[in-house]
Amino acid sequence: MTKKPPKIVDARGDKDGDITHVKLEGRQNFMSVERAIPMADKKQIDGVHVVRAPDKKIHLRTNPDGRDRNNLDYMVGDI
């Protein structure tokens, strides 16, 4: 049986509202978004994808599921 990758359970942001760190379920420490982005690209984090939009910084986004509580901005407390 294949083990499902961990989900993001918490996030931290900077004064501008940008997500800077995320915490994965089962872990005690936060990791930088720069470290989490390659993991998300490799499907090592469940429920997120990497956004590479022109004229924007590369960032993580939760997959849409109709719930707000698992959005990264919600976890930081911005919404």
PDB file of N, CA and C in Angstrom:
ATOM      1  N   MET A   1       0.841  -1.180   0.000  1.00  0.00           N
ATOM      2  CA  MET A   1       0.000   0.000   0.000  1.00  0.00           C
ATOM      3  C   MET A   1       0.887   1.245   0.000  1.00  0.00           C
ATOM      4  N   THR A   2       0.581   2.179  -0.871  1.00  0.00           N
ATOM      5  CA  THR A   2       1.353   3.404  -0.990  1.00  0.00           C
ATOM      6  C   THR A   2       0.907   4.410   0.061  1.00  0.00           C
ATOM      7  N   LYS A   3       1.889   4.975   0.746  1.00  0.00           N
ATOM      8  CA  LYS A   3       1.592   5.984   1.761  1.00  0.00           C
ATOM      9  C   LYS A   3       1.324   7.321   1.085  1.00  0.00           C
ATOM     10  N   LYS A   4       0.266   7.994   1.515  1.00  0.00           N
ATOM     11  CA  LYS A   4      -0.109   9.284   0.949  1.00  0.00           C
ATOM     12  C   LYS A   4       0.853  10.367   1.466  1.00  0.00           C
ATOM     13  N   PRO A   5       1.271  11.296   0.611  1.00  0.00           N
ATOM     14  CA  PRO A   5       2.162  12.369   1.065  1.00  0.00           C
ATOM     15  C   PRO A   5       1.461  13.246   2.113  1.00  0.00           C
ATOM     16  N   PRO A   6       2.239  13.920   2.959  1.00  0.00           N
ATOM     17  CA  PRO A   6       1.639  14.786   3.980  1.00  0.00           C
ATOM     18  C   PRO A   6       1.004  16.032   3.370  1.00  0.00           C
ATOM     19  N   LYS A   7       0.055  16.586   4.093  1.00  0.00           N
ATOM     20  CA  LYS A   7      -0.594  17.845   3.708  1.00  0.00           C
ATOM     21  C   LYS A   7       0.036  18.987   4.493  1.00  0.00           C
ATOM     22  N   ILE A   8      -0.163  20.190   4.000  1.00  0.00           N
ATOM     23  CA  ILE A   8       0.241  21.384   4.743  1.00  0.00           C
ATOM     24  C   ILE A   8      -0.833  21.655   5.796  1.00  0.00           C
ATOM     25  N   VAL A   9      -0.405  21.837   7.045  1.00  0.00           N
ATOM     26  CA  VAL A   9      -1.359  22.057   8.133  1.00  0.00           C
ATOM     27  C   VAL A   9      -1.260  23.456   8.736  1.00  0.00           C
ATOM     28  N   ASP A  10      -0.217  24.198   8.388  1.00  0.00           N
ATOM     29  CA  ASP A  10      -0.065  25.561   8.909  1.00  0.00           C
ATOM     30  C   ASP A  10       0.871  26.327   7.988  1.00  0.00           C
ATOM     31  N   ALA A  11       0.790  27.640   8.053  1.00  0.00           N
ATOM     32  CA  ALA A  11       1.634  28.486   7.207  1.00  0.00           C
ATOM     33  C   ALA A  11       1.978  29.770   7.943  1.00  0.00           C
ATOM     34  N   ARG A  12       3.090  30.349   7.558  1.00  0.00           N
ATOM     35  CA  ARG A  12       3.521  31.649   8.088  1.00  0.00           C
ATOM     36  C   ARG A  12       3.747  32.585   6.911  1.00  0.00           C
ATOM     37  N   GLY A  13       3.521  33.865   7.164  1.00  0.00           N
ATOM     38  CA  GLY A  13       3.716  34.860   6.116  1.00  0.00           C
ATOM     39  C   GLY A  13       4.544  36.027   6.598  1.00  0.00           C
ATOM     40  N   ASP A  14       4.960  36.848   5.650  1.00  0.00           N
ATOM     41  CA  ASP A  14       5.709  38.056   6.000  1.00  0.00           C
ATOM     42  C   ASP A  14       4.757  39.237   6.121  1.00  0.00           C
ATOM     43  N   LYS A  15       5.309  40.422   6.355  1.00  0.00           N
ATOM     44  CA  LYS A  15       4.488  41.622   6.569  1.00  0.00           C
ATOM     45  C   LYS A  15       3.697  42.014   5.320  1.00  0.00           C
ATOM     46  N   ASP A  16       4.139  41.537   4.145  1.00  0.00           N
ATOM     47  CA  ASP A  16       3.437  41.840   2.896  1.00  0.00           C
ATOM     48  C   ASP A  16       2.340  40.824   2.582  1.00  0.00           C
ATOM     49  N   GLY A  17       2.206  39.803   3.427  1.00  0.00           N
ATOM     50  CA  GLY A  17       1.191  38.784   3.207  1.00  0.00           C
ATOM     51  C   GLY A  17       1.643  37.621   2.341  1.00  0.00           C
ATOM     52  N   ASP A  18       2.922  37.600   1.981  1.00  0.00           N
ATOM     53  CA  ASP A  18       3.444  36.482   1.186  1.00  0.00           C
ATOM     54  C   ASP A  18       3.727  35.292   2.094  1.00  0.00           C
ATOM     55  N   ILE A  19       3.369  34.100   1.646  1.00  0.00           N
ATOM     56  CA  ILE A  19       3.647  32.884   2.402  1.00  0.00           C
ATOM     57  C   ILE A  19       5.150  32.642   2.367  1.00  0.00           C
ATOM     58  N   THR A  20       5.754  32.470   3.537  1.00  0.00           N
ATOM     59  CA  THR A  20       7.197  32.260   3.616  1.00  0.00           C
ATOM     60  C   THR A  20       7.572  30.864   4.094  1.00  0.00           C
ATOM     61  N   HIS A  21       6.726  30.267   4.942  1.00  0.00           N
ATOM     62  CA  HIS A  21       7.006  28.954   5.513  1.00  0.00           C
ATOM     63  C   HIS A  21       5.722  28.144   5.607  1.00  0.00           C
ATOM     64  N   VAL A  22       5.861  26.831   5.515  1.00  0.00           N
ATOM     65  CA  VAL A  22       4.722  25.929   5.687  1.00  0.00           C
ATOM     66  C   VAL A  22       5.122  24.804   6.638  1.00  0.00           C
ATOM     67  N   LYS A  23       4.108  24.228   7.261  1.00  0.00           N
ATOM     68  CA  LYS A  23       4.321  23.107   8.176  1.00  0.00           C
ATOM     69  C   LYS A  23       3.537  21.910   7.656  1.00  0.00           C
ATOM     70  N   LEU A  24       4.202  20.778   7.533  1.00  0.00           N
ATOM     71  CA  LEU A  24       3.559  19.569   7.042  1.00  0.00           C
ATOM     72  C   LEU A  24       3.039  18.739   8.203  1.00  0.00           C
ATOM     73  N   GLU A  25       1.927  18.015   7.965  1.00  0.00           N
ATOM     74  CA  GLU A  25       1.381  17.171   9.019  1.00  0.00           C
ATOM     75  C   GLU A  25       2.422  16.147   9.437  1.00  0.00           C
ATOM     76  N   GLY A  26       2.464  15.907  10.745  1.00  0.00           N
ATOM     77  CA  GLY A  26       3.427  14.964  11.298  1.00  0.00           C
ATOM     78  C   GLY A  26       4.787  15.559  11.590  1.00  0.00           C
ATOM     79  N   ARG A  27       4.977  16.817  11.271  1.00  0.00           N
ATOM     80  CA  ARG A  27       6.267  17.474  11.530  1.00  0.00           C
ATOM     81  C   ARG A  27       6.077  18.581  12.561  1.00  0.00           C
ATOM     82  N   GLN A  28       7.113  18.868  13.302  1.00  0.00           N
ATOM     83  CA  GLN A  28       7.027  19.904  14.323  1.00  0.00           C
ATOM     84  C   GLN A  28       7.532  21.254  13.839  1.00  0.00           C
ATOM     85  N   ASN A  29       8.390  21.257  12.849  1.00  0.00           N
ATOM     86  CA  ASN A  29       9.014  22.493  12.393  1.00  0.00           C
ATOM     87  C   ASN A  29       8.455  22.950  11.055  1.00  0.00           C
ATOM     88  N   PHE A  30       8.506  24.251  10.841  1.00  0.00           N
ATOM     89  CA  PHE A  30       8.129  24.843   9.563  1.00  0.00           C
ATOM     90  C   PHE A  30       9.309  24.712   8.599  1.00  0.00           C
ATOM     91  N   MET A  31       8.998  24.649   7.310  1.00  0.00           N
ATOM     92  CA  MET A  31      10.031  24.673   6.275  1.00  0.00           C
ATOM     93  C   MET A  31       9.763  25.849   5.346  1.00  0.00           C
ATOM     94  N   SER A  32      10.803  26.328   4.720  1.00  0.00           N
ATOM     95  CA  SER A  32      10.647  27.461   3.809  1.00  0.00           C
ATOM     96  C   SER A  32       9.848  27.045   2.580  1.00  0.00           C
ATOM     97  N   VAL A  33       9.176  28.012   1.993  1.00  0.00           N
ATOM     98  CA  VAL A  33       8.447  27.763   0.751  1.00  0.00           C
ATOM     99  C   VAL A  33       9.427  27.359  -0.343  1.00  0.00           C
ATOM    100  N   GLU A  34      10.621  27.927  -0.323  1.00  0.00           N
ATOM    101  CA  GLU A  34      11.633  27.571  -1.329  1.00  0.00           C
ATOM    102  C   GLU A  34      11.955  26.082  -1.262  1.00  0.00           C
ATOM    103  N   ARG A  35      11.925  25.512  -0.090  1.00  0.00           N
ATOM    104  CA  ARG A  35      12.167  24.074   0.064  1.00  0.00           C
ATOM    105  C   ARG A  35      10.918  23.260  -0.300  1.00  0.00           C
ATOM    106  N   ALA A  36       9.740  23.791  -0.015  1.00  0.00           N
ATOM    107  CA  ALA A  36       8.494  23.074  -0.262  1.00  0.00           C
ATOM    108  C   ALA A  36       8.121  23.042  -1.751  1.00  0.00           C
ATOM    109  N   ILE A  37       8.495  24.056  -2.510  1.00  0.00           N
ATOM    110  CA  ILE A  37       8.122  24.112  -3.931  1.00  0.00           C
ATOM    111  C   ILE A  37       8.645  22.907  -4.714  1.00  0.00           C
ATOM    112  N   PRO A  38       9.929  22.544  -4.605  1.00  0.00           N
ATOM    113  CA  PRO A  38      10.378  21.348  -5.332  1.00  0.00           C
ATOM    114  C   PRO A  38       9.676  20.076  -4.862  1.00  0.00           C
ATOM    115  N   MET A  39       9.347  20.015  -3.583  1.00  0.00           N
ATOM    116  CA  MET A  39       8.615  18.857  -3.062  1.00  0.00           C
ATOM    117  C   MET A  39       7.221  18.780  -3.687  1.00  0.00           C
ATOM    118  N   ALA A  40       6.555  19.922  -3.804  1.00  0.00           N
ATOM    119  CA  ALA A  40       5.229  19.953  -4.424  1.00  0.00           C
ATOM    120  C   ALA A  40       5.316  19.561  -5.900  1.00  0.00           C
ATOM    121  N   ASP A  41       6.358  20.013  -6.584  1.00  0.00           N
ATOM    122  CA  ASP A  41       6.555  19.627  -7.989  1.00  0.00           C
ATOM    123  C   ASP A  41       6.679  18.110  -8.140  1.00  0.00           C
ATOM    124  N   LYS A  42       7.281  17.460  -7.146  1.00  0.00           N
ATOM    125  CA  LYS A  42       7.482  16.002  -7.180  1.00  0.00           C
ATOM    126  C   LYS A  42       6.314  15.243  -6.557  1.00  0.00           C
ATOM    127  N   LYS A  43       5.217  15.958  -6.253  1.00  0.00           N
ATOM    128  CA  LYS A  43       4.018  15.346  -5.644  1.00  0.00           C
ATOM    129  C   LYS A  43       4.312  14.759  -4.265  1.00  0.00           C
ATOM    130  N   GLN A  44       5.272  15.364  -3.542  1.00  0.00           N
ATOM    131  CA  GLN A  44       5.618  14.911  -2.199  1.00  0.00           C
ATOM    132  C   GLN A  44       4.825  15.641  -1.127  1.00  0.00           C
ATOM    133  N   ILE A  45       3.959  16.563  -1.534  1.00  0.00           N
ATOM    134  CA  ILE A  45       3.039  17.255  -0.631  1.00  0.00           C
ATOM    135  C   ILE A  45       1.654  17.113  -1.238  1.00  0.00           C
ATOM    136  N   ASP A  46       0.707  16.656  -0.437  1.00  0.00           N
ATOM    137  CA  ASP A  46      -0.652  16.423  -0.915  1.00  0.00           C
ATOM    138  C   ASP A  46      -1.464  17.716  -0.900  1.00  0.00           C
ATOM    139  N   GLY A  47      -2.276  17.917  -1.918  1.00  0.00           N
ATOM    140  CA  GLY A  47      -3.245  19.001  -1.923  1.00  0.00           C
ATOM    141  C   GLY A  47      -2.742  20.364  -2.332  1.00  0.00           C
ATOM    142  N   VAL A  48      -1.539  20.448  -2.890  1.00  0.00           N
ATOM    143  CA  VAL A  48      -1.012  21.740  -3.348  1.00  0.00           C
ATOM    144  C   VAL A  48      -0.390  21.594  -4.729  1.00  0.00           C
ATOM    145  N   HIS A  49      -0.243  22.723  -5.386  1.00  0.00           N
ATOM    146  CA  HIS A  49       0.469  22.764  -6.655  1.00  0.00           C
ATOM    147  C   HIS A  49       1.275  24.055  -6.718  1.00  0.00           C
ATOM    148  N   VAL A  50       2.202  24.102  -7.646  1.00  0.00           N
ATOM    149  CA  VAL A  50       3.075  25.257  -7.808  1.00  0.00           C
ATOM    150  C   VAL A  50       2.525  26.122  -8.937  1.00  0.00           C
ATOM    151  N   VAL A  51       2.454  27.425  -8.689  1.00  0.00           N
ATOM    152  CA  VAL A  51       1.981  28.374  -9.688  1.00  0.00           C
ATOM    153  C   VAL A  51       3.184  29.125 -10.242  1.00  0.00           C
ATOM    154  N   ARG A  52       3.296  29.085 -11.556  1.00  0.00           N
ATOM    155  CA  ARG A  52       4.356  29.815 -12.258  1.00  0.00           C
ATOM    156  C   ARG A  52       3.687  30.725 -13.283  1.00  0.00           C
ATOM    157  N   ALA A  53       3.197  31.847 -12.801  1.00  0.00           N
ATOM    158  CA  ALA A  53       2.492  32.789 -13.666  1.00  0.00           C
ATOM    159  C   ALA A  53       3.461  33.865 -14.147  1.00  0.00           C
ATOM    160  N   PRO A  54       3.280  34.336 -15.373  1.00  0.00           N
ATOM    161  CA  PRO A  54       4.137  35.416 -15.867  1.00  0.00           C
ATOM    162  C   PRO A  54       3.998  36.650 -14.969  1.00  0.00           C
ATOM    163  N   ASP A  55       5.081  37.326 -14.758  1.00  0.00           N
ATOM    164  CA  ASP A  55       5.127  38.565 -13.979  1.00  0.00           C
ATOM    165  C   ASP A  55       4.760  38.366 -12.509  1.00  0.00           C
ATOM    166  N   LYS A  56       4.805  37.135 -12.008  1.00  0.00           N
ATOM    167  CA  LYS A  56       4.548  36.872 -10.597  1.00  0.00           C
ATOM    168  C   LYS A  56       5.622  35.947 -10.047  1.00  0.00           C
ATOM    169  N   LYS A  57       5.772  36.018  -8.739  1.00  0.00           N
ATOM    170  CA  LYS A  57       6.714  35.148  -8.051  1.00  0.00           C
ATOM    171  C   LYS A  57       6.157  33.717  -8.025  1.00  0.00           C
ATOM    172  N   ILE A  58       7.012  32.724  -8.186  1.00  0.00           N
ATOM    173  CA  ILE A  58       6.585  31.331  -8.085  1.00  0.00           C
ATOM    174  C   ILE A  58       6.088  31.097  -6.663  1.00  0.00           C
ATOM    175  N   HIS A  59       4.909  30.454  -6.551  1.00  0.00           N
ATOM    176  CA  HIS A  59       4.351  30.243  -5.214  1.00  0.00           C
ATOM    177  C   HIS A  59       3.512  28.964  -5.156  1.00  0.00           C
ATOM    178  N   LEU A  60       3.214  28.550  -3.931  1.00  0.00           N
ATOM    179  CA  LEU A  60       2.363  27.389  -3.697  1.00  0.00           C
ATOM    180  C   LEU A  60       0.915  27.823  -3.608  1.00  0.00           C
ATOM    181  N   ARG A  61       0.030  26.955  -4.042  1.00  0.00           N
ATOM    182  CA  ARG A  61      -1.407  27.195  -3.909  1.00  0.00           C
ATOM    183  C   ARG A  61      -2.064  25.862  -3.589  1.00  0.00           C
ATOM    184  N   THR A  62      -3.030  25.893  -2.680  1.00  0.00           N
ATOM    185  CA  THR A  62      -3.775  24.665  -2.399  1.00  0.00           C
ATOM    186  C   THR A  62      -4.703  24.366  -3.560  1.00  0.00           C
ATOM    187  N   ASN A  63      -4.932  23.081  -3.775  1.00  0.00           N
ATOM    188  CA  ASN A  63      -5.852  22.665  -4.835  1.00  0.00           C
ATOM    189  C   ASN A  63      -7.274  23.058  -4.432  1.00  0.00           C
ATOM    190  N   PRO A  64      -8.073  23.551  -5.369  1.00  0.00           N
ATOM    191  CA  PRO A  64      -9.435  23.970  -5.032  1.00  0.00           C
ATOM    192  C   PRO A  64     -10.285  22.784  -4.574  1.00  0.00           C
ATOM    193  N   ASP A  65     -11.002  22.996  -3.472  1.00  0.00           N
ATOM    194  CA  ASP A  65     -11.894  21.953  -2.975  1.00  0.00           C
ATOM    195  C   ASP A  65     -13.151  22.534  -2.328  1.00  0.00           C
ATOM    196  N   GLY A  66     -13.324  23.853  -2.459  1.00  0.00           N
ATOM    197  CA  GLY A  66     -14.527  24.487  -1.914  1.00  0.00           C
ATOM    198  C   GLY A  66     -14.452  24.835  -0.440  1.00  0.00           C
ATOM    199  N   ARG A  67     -13.332  24.564   0.199  1.00  0.00           N
ATOM    200  CA  ARG A  67     -13.179  24.892   1.622  1.00  0.00           C
ATOM    201  C   ARG A  67     -12.126  25.982   1.780  1.00  0.00           C
ATOM    202  N   ASP A  68     -12.362  26.896   2.741  1.00  0.00           N
ATOM    203  CA  ASP A  68     -11.411  27.978   2.985  1.00  0.00           C
ATOM    204  C   ASP A  68     -10.336  27.600   3.989  1.00  0.00           C
ATOM    205  N   ARG A  69     -10.666  26.785   4.963  1.00  0.00           N
ATOM    206  CA  ARG A  69      -9.757  26.519   6.082  1.00  0.00           C
ATOM    207  C   ARG A  69      -8.432  25.878   5.682  1.00  0.00           C
ATOM    208  N   ASN A  70      -8.354  25.281   4.519  1.00  0.00           N
ATOM    209  CA  ASN A  70      -7.089  24.687   4.111  1.00  0.00           C
ATOM    210  C   ASN A  70      -6.334  25.561   3.102  1.00  0.00           C
ATOM    211  N   ASN A  71      -6.806  26.776   2.864  1.00  0.00           N
ATOM    212  CA  ASN A  71      -6.072  27.718   2.013  1.00  0.00           C
ATOM    213  C   ASN A  71      -4.900  28.293   2.803  1.00  0.00           C
ATOM    214  N   LEU A  72      -3.785  28.466   2.154  1.00  0.00           N
ATOM    215  CA  LEU A  72      -2.590  28.948   2.846  1.00  0.00           C
ATOM    216  C   LEU A  72      -2.812  30.328   3.457  1.00  0.00           C
ATOM    217  N   ASP A  73      -3.492  31.230   2.741  1.00  0.00           N
ATOM    218  CA  ASP A  73      -3.759  32.556   3.304  1.00  0.00           C
ATOM    219  C   ASP A  73      -4.591  32.459   4.582  1.00  0.00           C
ATOM    220  N   TYR A  74      -5.525  31.547   4.618  1.00  0.00           N
ATOM    221  CA  TYR A  74      -6.352  31.345   5.820  1.00  0.00           C
ATOM    222  C   TYR A  74      -5.482  30.867   6.980  1.00  0.00           C
ATOM    223  N   MET A  75      -4.564  29.943   6.689  1.00  0.00           N
ATOM    224  CA  MET A  75      -3.685  29.407   7.732  1.00  0.00           C
ATOM    225  C   MET A  75      -2.809  30.490   8.346  1.00  0.00           C
ATOM    226  N   VAL A  76      -2.410  31.459   7.530  1.00  0.00           N
ATOM    227  CA  VAL A  76      -1.592  32.567   8.019  1.00  0.00           C
ATOM    228  C   VAL A  76      -2.446  33.558   8.791  1.00  0.00           C
ATOM    229  N   GLY A  77      -3.743  33.601   8.475  1.00  0.00           N
ATOM    230  CA  GLY A  77      -4.621  34.535   9.146  1.00  0.00           C
ATOM    231  C   GLY A  77      -4.899  35.781   8.356  1.00  0.00           C
ATOM    232  N   ASP A  78      -4.594  35.757   7.051  1.00  0.00           N
ATOM    233  CA  ASP A  78      -4.802  36.944   6.223  1.00  0.00           C
ATOM    234  C   ASP A  78      -6.267  37.130   5.795  1.00  0.00           C
ATOM    235  N   ILE A  79      -7.083  36.073   5.875  1.00  0.00           N
ATOM    236  CA  ILE A  79      -8.483  36.205   5.455  1.00  0.00           C
ATOM    237  C   ILE A  79      -9.401  35.785   6.576  1.00  0.00           C
TER     238      ILE A  79
END
